[in-house]
């Protein structure tokens, strides 16, 4: 399992730890990943994702998983998140068009 956020694409970064004497040692900076279960209102089901704490705050700020995925770019999303986004967009499109009587 890769250390990558499924919603924002944030991943491991590489850099240096710099000491007082200016010695540089290689270091990996890991994202703060959390396993969470988010509720999709459009699909009326729960979804388990591995996201960063920052992404979790962004989801709450935008008003839920559905609103976050509708605004998100496909490049940043994981494969499961892309499928979720497509399903949500289909449901919202069905709800927006009135059914033929």
C-alpha atoms as a PDB file:
ATOM      1  CA  UNK A   1       0.000   0.000   0.000  1.00  0.00           C
ATOM      2  CA  UNK A   2       1.535   3.294  -1.063  1.00  0.00           C
ATOM      3  CA  UNK A   3       1.849   6.195   1.319  1.00  0.00           C
ATOM      4  CA  UNK A   4      -0.356   8.497  -0.734  1.00  0.00           C
ATOM      5  CA  UNK A   5      -3.552  10.336   0.146  1.00  0.00           C
ATOM      6  CA  UNK A   6      -6.453   9.034  -1.941  1.00  0.00           C
ATOM      7  CA  UNK A   7      -8.131  12.445  -2.171  1.00  0.00           C
ATOM      8  CA  UNK A   8      -5.346  15.021  -2.505  1.00  0.00           C
ATOM      9  CA  UNK A   9      -2.483  12.922  -3.875  1.00  0.00           C
ATOM     10  CA  UNK A  10      -0.109  14.083  -1.150  1.00  0.00           C
ATOM     11  CA  UNK A  11       2.782  11.594  -0.887  1.00  0.00           C
ATOM     12  CA  UNK A  12       6.172  11.019   0.739  1.00  0.00           C
ATOM     13  CA  UNK A  13       8.675  13.854   0.310  1.00  0.00           C
ATOM     14  CA  UNK A  14      12.449  13.555   0.470  1.00  0.00           C
ATOM     15  CA  UNK A  15      14.739  16.160   1.945  1.00  0.00           C
ATOM     16  CA  UNK A  16      17.548  16.837   4.378  1.00  0.00           C
ATOM     17  CA  UNK A  17      17.729  17.185   8.110  1.00  0.00           C
ATOM     18  CA  UNK A  18      20.212  20.003   8.650  1.00  0.00           C
ATOM     19  CA  UNK A  19      22.199  20.032  11.876  1.00  0.00           C
ATOM     20  CA  UNK A  20      23.599  23.048  13.685  1.00  0.00           C
ATOM     21  CA  UNK A  21      26.972  22.388  12.026  1.00  0.00           C
ATOM     22  CA  UNK A  22      25.157  22.350   8.655  1.00  0.00           C
ATOM     23  CA  UNK A  23      25.595  18.620   8.049  1.00  0.00           C
ATOM     24  CA  UNK A  24      22.852  17.253   5.857  1.00  0.00           C
ATOM     25  CA  UNK A  25      21.385  13.777   6.300  1.00  0.00           C
ATOM     26  CA  UNK A  26      18.774  12.353   3.955  1.00  0.00           C
ATOM     27  CA  UNK A  27      15.305  12.037   5.423  1.00  0.00           C
ATOM     28  CA  UNK A  28      11.815  10.977   4.328  1.00  0.00           C
ATOM     29  CA  UNK A  29       8.879  13.135   5.366  1.00  0.00           C
ATOM     30  CA  UNK A  30       5.769  10.961   5.595  1.00  0.00           C
ATOM     31  CA  UNK A  31       2.214  12.295   5.200  1.00  0.00           C
ATOM     32  CA  UNK A  32      -0.135  12.064   8.176  1.00  0.00           C
ATOM     33  CA  UNK A  33      -2.399   9.305   6.818  1.00  0.00           C
ATOM     34  CA  UNK A  34      -5.580   8.181   8.569  1.00  0.00           C
ATOM     35  CA  UNK A  35      -7.974   5.359   7.718  1.00  0.00           C
ATOM     36  CA  UNK A  36     -11.432   6.946   7.738  1.00  0.00           C
ATOM     37  CA  UNK A  37     -14.974   6.029   6.786  1.00  0.00           C
ATOM     38  CA  UNK A  38     -16.808   8.866   5.044  1.00  0.00           C
ATOM     39  CA  UNK A  39     -20.517   9.064   4.267  1.00  0.00           C
ATOM     40  CA  UNK A  40     -21.619   9.789   0.702  1.00  0.00           C
ATOM     41  CA  UNK A  41     -25.033  11.474   0.713  1.00  0.00           C
ATOM     42  CA  UNK A  42     -25.648  11.075  -3.028  1.00  0.00           C
ATOM     43  CA  UNK A  43     -24.814   7.349  -3.070  1.00  0.00           C
ATOM     44  CA  UNK A  44     -26.302   6.779   0.394  1.00  0.00           C
ATOM     45  CA  UNK A  45     -23.407   4.579   1.508  1.00  0.00           C
ATOM     46  CA  UNK A  46     -20.177   4.661   3.493  1.00  0.00           C
ATOM     47  CA  UNK A  47     -16.740   4.651   1.893  1.00  0.00           C
ATOM     48  CA  UNK A  48     -13.433   3.658   3.508  1.00  0.00           C
ATOM     49  CA  UNK A  49     -10.486   5.770   2.379  1.00  0.00           C
ATOM     50  CA  UNK A  50      -6.884   6.411   3.443  1.00  0.00           C
ATOM     51  CA  UNK A  51      -6.510  10.187   3.562  1.00  0.00           C
ATOM     52  CA  UNK A  52      -4.299  12.790   5.206  1.00  0.00           C
ATOM     53  CA  UNK A  53      -5.503  14.817   8.162  1.00  0.00           C
ATOM     54  CA  UNK A  54      -5.319  17.907   5.915  1.00  0.00           C
ATOM     55  CA  UNK A  55      -7.625  16.291   3.339  1.00  0.00           C
ATOM     56  CA  UNK A  56     -10.070  15.347   6.084  1.00  0.00           C
ATOM     57  CA  UNK A  57     -10.269  19.003   7.140  1.00  0.00           C
ATOM     58  CA  UNK A  58     -10.766  20.008   3.498  1.00  0.00           C
ATOM     59  CA  UNK A  59     -13.633  17.529   3.114  1.00  0.00           C
ATOM     60  CA  UNK A  60     -15.341  18.992   6.178  1.00  0.00           C
ATOM     61  CA  UNK A  61     -14.729  22.558   4.955  1.00  0.00           C
ATOM     62  CA  UNK A  62     -16.261  21.911   1.514  1.00  0.00           C
ATOM     63  CA  UNK A  63     -19.359  20.338   3.025  1.00  0.00           C
ATOM     64  CA  UNK A  64     -18.810  16.604   2.795  1.00  0.00           C
ATOM     65  CA  UNK A  65     -17.332  13.943   0.562  1.00  0.00           C
ATOM     66  CA  UNK A  66     -19.680  14.577  -2.367  1.00  0.00           C
ATOM     67  CA  UNK A  67     -18.905  18.288  -2.585  1.00  0.00           C
ATOM     68  CA  UNK A  68     -15.182  17.619  -2.255  1.00  0.00           C
ATOM     69  CA  UNK A  69     -15.104  15.030  -5.045  1.00  0.00           C
ATOM     70  CA  UNK A  70     -17.186  17.144  -7.426  1.00  0.00           C
ATOM     71  CA  UNK A  71     -14.630  19.981  -7.143  1.00  0.00           C
ATOM     72  CA  UNK A  72     -11.519  17.749  -7.092  1.00  0.00           C
ATOM     73  CA  UNK A  73      -9.298  17.224 -10.129  1.00  0.00           C
ATOM     74  CA  UNK A  74      -9.123  13.668 -11.485  1.00  0.00           C
ATOM     75  CA  UNK A  75      -5.305  13.717 -11.627  1.00  0.00           C
ATOM     76  CA  UNK A  76      -4.961  13.934  -7.838  1.00  0.00           C
ATOM     77  CA  UNK A  77      -7.505  11.226  -7.013  1.00  0.00           C
ATOM     78  CA  UNK A  78      -6.799   7.533  -6.576  1.00  0.00           C
ATOM     79  CA  UNK A  79      -8.560   4.958  -8.737  1.00  0.00           C
ATOM     80  CA  UNK A  80     -11.229   4.250  -6.103  1.00  0.00           C
ATOM     81  CA  UNK A  81     -11.837   7.974  -5.588  1.00  0.00           C
ATOM     82  CA  UNK A  82     -12.189   8.476  -9.369  1.00  0.00           C
ATOM     83  CA  UNK A  83     -14.822   5.753  -9.527  1.00  0.00           C
ATOM     84  CA  UNK A  84     -16.627   7.344  -6.579  1.00  0.00           C
ATOM     85  CA  UNK A  85     -16.541  10.738  -8.287  1.00  0.00           C
ATOM     86  CA  UNK A  86     -18.061   9.313 -11.477  1.00  0.00           C
ATOM     87  CA  UNK A  87     -20.814   7.536  -9.533  1.00  0.00           C
ATOM     88  CA  UNK A  88     -21.627  10.698  -7.587  1.00  0.00           C
ATOM     89  CA  UNK A  89     -21.736  12.821 -10.752  1.00  0.00           C
ATOM     90  CA  UNK A  90     -24.099  10.285 -12.386  1.00  0.00           C
ATOM     91  CA  UNK A  91     -26.432  10.351  -9.358  1.00  0.00           C
ATOM     92  CA  UNK A  92     -26.431  14.145  -9.235  1.00  0.00           C
ATOM     93  CA  UNK A  93     -27.147  14.333 -12.981  1.00  0.00           C
ATOM     94  CA  UNK A  94     -30.074  11.914 -12.579  1.00  0.00           C
ATOM     95  CA  UNK A  95     -31.469  13.982  -9.731  1.00  0.00           C
ATOM     96  CA  UNK A  96     -31.106  17.234 -11.711  1.00  0.00           C
ATOM     97  CA  UNK A  97     -33.007  16.050 -14.797  1.00  0.00           C
ATOM     98  CA  UNK A  98     -36.727  15.506 -14.237  1.00  0.00           C
ATOM     99  CA  UNK A  99     -37.961  11.993 -14.961  1.00  0.00           C
ATOM    100  CA  UNK A 100     -40.195  11.554 -18.003  1.00  0.00           C
ATOM    101  CA  UNK A 101     -43.731  10.698 -17.012  1.00  0.00           C
END
